[in-house]
Amino acid sequence: MAAVPSLTVLVYTKDNQPVAHCLEMDFMTTGCSRDRVVAELFETIRDEVQQAVEKNALGRLYRPAPEQYWQRLAQADPLGGIQIPLPAAPAAALHAGEIDVKQFACAD
């Protein structure tokens, strides 16, 4: 099975709430703080990858966000990279213990 590619997370504000948006999977979370929405998004990604591996459906995870978000990325500032650790079963199936994530912040 192919490894999970690096992911891109765009962090921005919508309706006065922080949003963390994984552009390759079009998953997003909202909440009361930037740190919390990013943590919740990483948890969602980890859970979804685990379920996809269990169902042999990794290809279904990837549905890119609409073009407008990719355009916002071009004007965003890098926040740095991080790795999302994977549980044992997905890590073994993917031959990787983590998913690389690049984070960017976008002005409102």
Protein backbone atom coordinates (compact mmCIF):
# COMPACT_ATOMS: atom_id res chain seq x y z
CA MET A 1 0.00 0.00 0.00
CA ALA A 2 1.26 3.50 -0.77
CA ALA A 3 2.33 5.82 1.99
CA VAL A 4 0.24 8.79 2.99
CA PRO A 5 1.57 11.88 1.21
CA SER A 6 2.48 15.05 3.06
CA LEU A 7 -0.56 17.12 3.95
CA THR A 8 -1.17 20.85 3.92
CA VAL A 9 -3.14 22.57 6.69
CA LEU A 10 -4.38 26.11 6.16
CA VAL A 11 -5.37 28.00 9.32
CA TYR A 12 -7.68 31.00 8.96
CA THR A 13 -10.61 32.78 10.58
CA LYS A 14 -14.19 32.50 9.39
CA ASP A 15 -17.13 34.12 11.17
CA ASN A 16 -14.78 35.14 14.02
CA GLN A 17 -13.75 31.52 14.65
CA PRO A 18 -10.44 29.85 13.86
CA VAL A 19 -10.55 27.16 11.19
CA ALA A 20 -7.99 24.44 10.43
CA HIS A 21 -8.44 22.99 6.94
CA CYS A 22 -6.56 20.01 5.47
CA LEU A 23 -6.51 20.87 1.77
CA GLU A 24 -5.69 17.42 0.38
CA MET A 25 -8.57 15.76 2.25
CA ASP A 26 -10.94 18.73 2.53
CA PHE A 27 -11.39 18.11 6.26
CA MET A 28 -11.84 21.14 8.50
CA THR A 29 -12.46 21.92 12.13
CA THR A 30 -13.62 25.10 13.86
CA GLY A 31 -13.53 26.14 17.48
CA CYS A 32 -12.54 28.74 20.03
CA SER A 33 -8.73 28.69 19.64
CA ARG A 34 -6.23 28.13 16.88
CA ASP A 35 -4.32 25.50 18.84
CA ARG A 36 -7.49 23.57 19.61
CA VAL A 37 -8.79 23.48 16.01
CA VAL A 38 -5.40 22.29 14.76
CA ALA A 39 -5.26 19.56 17.42
CA GLU A 40 -8.82 18.46 16.57
CA LEU A 41 -8.01 18.38 12.85
CA PHE A 42 -4.94 16.23 13.49
CA GLU A 43 -7.07 13.84 15.55
CA THR A 44 -9.64 13.66 12.73
CA ILE A 45 -6.93 12.96 10.16
CA ARG A 46 -5.41 10.22 12.32
CA ASP A 47 -8.83 8.59 12.87
CA GLU A 48 -9.78 8.79 9.19
CA VAL A 49 -6.46 7.31 8.06
CA GLN A 50 -6.87 4.45 10.54
CA GLN A 51 -10.40 3.71 9.27
CA ALA A 52 -9.27 3.92 5.64
CA VAL A 53 -6.46 1.44 6.27
CA GLU A 54 -8.83 -0.94 8.06
CA LYS A 55 -11.25 -0.77 5.10
CA ASN A 56 -8.49 -0.84 2.47
CA ALA A 57 -9.86 2.47 1.17
CA LEU A 58 -6.94 4.89 1.50
CA GLY A 59 -7.66 6.41 -1.93
CA ARG A 60 -11.05 7.62 -0.72
CA LEU A 61 -9.40 9.97 1.78
CA TYR A 62 -8.12 12.30 -0.90
CA ARG A 63 -10.65 14.77 -2.20
CA PRO A 64 -8.99 18.15 -2.61
CA ALA A 65 -10.51 21.28 -1.14
CA PRO A 66 -12.13 23.71 -3.58
CA GLU A 67 -9.75 25.85 -5.63
CA GLN A 68 -10.45 29.01 -3.62
CA TYR A 69 -8.65 27.50 -0.60
CA TRP A 70 -5.63 26.50 -2.67
CA GLN A 71 -5.51 30.08 -3.95
CA ARG A 72 -5.51 31.36 -0.36
CA LEU A 73 -2.59 29.05 0.36
CA ALA A 74 -0.49 30.90 -2.21
CA GLN A 75 -0.77 34.04 -0.04
CA ALA A 76 -0.42 32.32 3.34
CA ASP A 77 2.54 32.44 5.71
CA PRO A 78 4.27 29.19 6.67
CA LEU A 79 3.87 28.15 10.31
CA GLY A 80 6.22 25.19 10.09
CA GLY A 81 5.92 21.46 9.86
CA ILE A 82 4.78 18.81 12.26
CA GLN A 83 4.25 15.05 12.19
CA ILE A 84 1.02 13.34 13.17
CA PRO A 85 1.88 10.02 14.83
CA LEU A 86 -0.14 7.06 13.57
CA PRO A 87 -1.49 4.14 15.60
CA ALA A 88 0.35 0.83 15.16
CA ALA A 89 -1.90 -0.85 12.55
CA PRO A 90 -1.98 2.05 10.05
CA ALA A 91 1.72 2.71 10.64
CA ALA A 92 2.58 -0.89 9.75
CA ALA A 93 0.28 -0.91 6.71
CA LEU A 94 1.65 2.39 5.43
CA HIS A 95 5.28 1.70 6.34
CA ALA A 96 5.34 5.04 8.12
CA GLY A 97 4.90 5.93 11.76
CA GLU A 98 3.69 9.44 11.05
CA ILE A 99 2.18 11.80 8.51
CA ASP A 100 4.13 14.94 7.61
CA VAL A 101 2.04 18.11 7.75
CA LYS A 102 2.95 21.59 6.56
CA GLN A 103 0.98 24.36 8.29
CA PHE A 104 0.21 27.82 6.90
CA ALA A 105 -1.66 30.82 8.31
CA CYS A 106 -3.82 32.97 6.10
CA ALA A 107 -4.94 36.53 6.74
CA ASP A 108 -8.68 37.04 6.98
